[in-house]
Amino acid sequence: MLVFASDASGNVVSINNVKNDKACNCFCIACNDSLIARNRGTKNAHSFAHTSKPEKRSCLMTALHRFVQEYLAAQEQILLPSVR
């Protein structure tokens, strides 16, 4: 399930922070296909859907990887357990 995408400016956005359907103006981080936001329903989990290409596993992994990169880069410090 694709929950992160790229907006028109190239920023990573969450499905919960965009307008519904094509109004989100989002793109797949991996394949650059335009996406629609499915975030209005109450029964199914919110997610993005490709408009012209099938969703591939690489799309999911690339989106997650990019989100984590940006999240970690924004942190002032990262606490890790000691290694023995």
Protein backbone atom coordinates (compact mmCIF):
# COMPACT_ATOMS: atom_id res chain seq x y z
CA MET A 1 0.00 0.00 0.00
CA LEU A 2 1.53 3.28 -1.13
CA VAL A 3 1.21 5.93 1.59
CA PHE A 4 4.02 8.33 0.59
CA ALA A 5 4.34 10.21 -2.69
CA SER A 6 6.10 13.16 -4.23
CA ASP A 7 4.22 16.43 -4.67
CA ALA A 8 4.66 18.83 -7.60
CA SER A 9 7.65 20.43 -5.82
CA GLY A 10 9.39 17.09 -5.28
CA ASN A 11 8.70 16.94 -1.55
CA VAL A 12 7.66 13.70 0.10
CA VAL A 13 4.04 13.88 1.30
CA SER A 14 1.83 11.54 3.31
CA ILE A 15 -1.55 10.31 2.11
CA ASN A 16 -3.09 11.96 5.19
CA ASN A 17 -1.87 15.43 4.23
CA VAL A 18 -3.11 15.80 0.65
CA LYS A 19 -6.39 16.50 -1.10
CA ASN A 20 -8.44 13.57 -2.35
CA ASP A 21 -8.36 12.06 -5.85
CA LYS A 22 -6.39 13.84 -8.62
CA ALA A 23 -6.49 17.12 -6.67
CA CYS A 24 -3.51 15.83 -4.66
CA ASN A 25 -1.26 16.49 -7.69
CA CYS A 26 1.14 13.73 -6.57
CA PHE A 27 3.58 11.42 -8.33
CA CYS A 28 5.14 8.05 -7.57
CA ILE A 29 8.61 8.53 -6.10
CA ALA A 30 9.95 5.49 -7.97
CA CYS A 31 8.36 5.53 -11.43
CA ASN A 32 7.06 9.15 -11.59
CA ASP A 33 3.56 8.00 -12.64
CA SER A 34 0.79 10.36 -11.58
CA LEU A 35 -1.17 9.19 -8.56
CA ILE A 36 -4.64 9.62 -7.14
CA ALA A 37 -5.23 9.89 -3.41
CA ARG A 38 -7.78 7.56 -1.89
CA ASN A 39 -8.13 9.21 1.50
CA ARG A 40 -11.79 9.96 1.98
CA GLY A 41 -13.18 6.56 2.96
CA THR A 42 -13.73 5.16 6.42
CA LYS A 43 -13.66 1.38 5.74
CA ASN A 44 -10.34 0.94 3.89
CA ALA A 45 -6.91 2.31 4.77
CA HIS A 46 -5.93 5.49 2.95
CA SER A 47 -3.45 5.07 0.09
CA PHE A 48 -2.27 6.36 -3.27
CA ALA A 49 -3.02 4.55 -6.53
CA HIS A 50 -1.17 4.72 -9.84
CA THR A 51 -3.19 6.13 -12.73
CA SER A 52 -1.58 4.41 -15.72
CA LYS A 53 0.95 1.83 -14.48
CA PRO A 54 0.59 -1.16 -12.17
CA GLU A 55 2.01 -0.66 -8.70
CA LYS A 56 5.28 -2.54 -8.24
CA ARG A 57 7.04 -3.59 -5.07
CA SER A 58 9.91 -1.26 -6.02
CA CYS A 59 7.49 1.69 -5.87
CA LEU A 60 6.64 0.85 -2.27
CA MET A 61 10.25 0.30 -1.22
CA THR A 62 11.52 3.45 -2.93
CA ALA A 63 8.80 5.58 -1.33
CA LEU A 64 9.56 4.18 2.12
CA HIS A 65 13.33 4.61 1.61
CA ARG A 66 12.93 8.25 0.53
CA PHE A 67 10.63 9.05 3.47
CA VAL A 68 13.12 7.57 5.96
CA GLN A 69 16.01 9.48 4.37
CA GLU A 70 14.18 12.79 4.72
CA TYR A 71 12.98 11.98 8.23
CA LEU A 72 16.47 11.11 9.46
CA ALA A 73 18.03 14.12 7.76
CA ALA A 74 15.60 16.39 9.62
CA GLN A 75 16.57 15.00 13.05
CA GLU A 76 19.09 16.95 15.11
CA GLN A 77 20.30 13.77 16.78
CA ILE A 78 19.63 10.06 16.56
CA LEU A 79 19.92 7.89 19.63
CA LEU A 80 21.16 4.37 18.95
CA PRO A 81 21.80 1.55 21.42
CA SER A 82 25.39 0.75 22.27
CA VAL A 83 27.06 -2.09 20.38
CA ARG A 84 28.96 -4.77 22.30
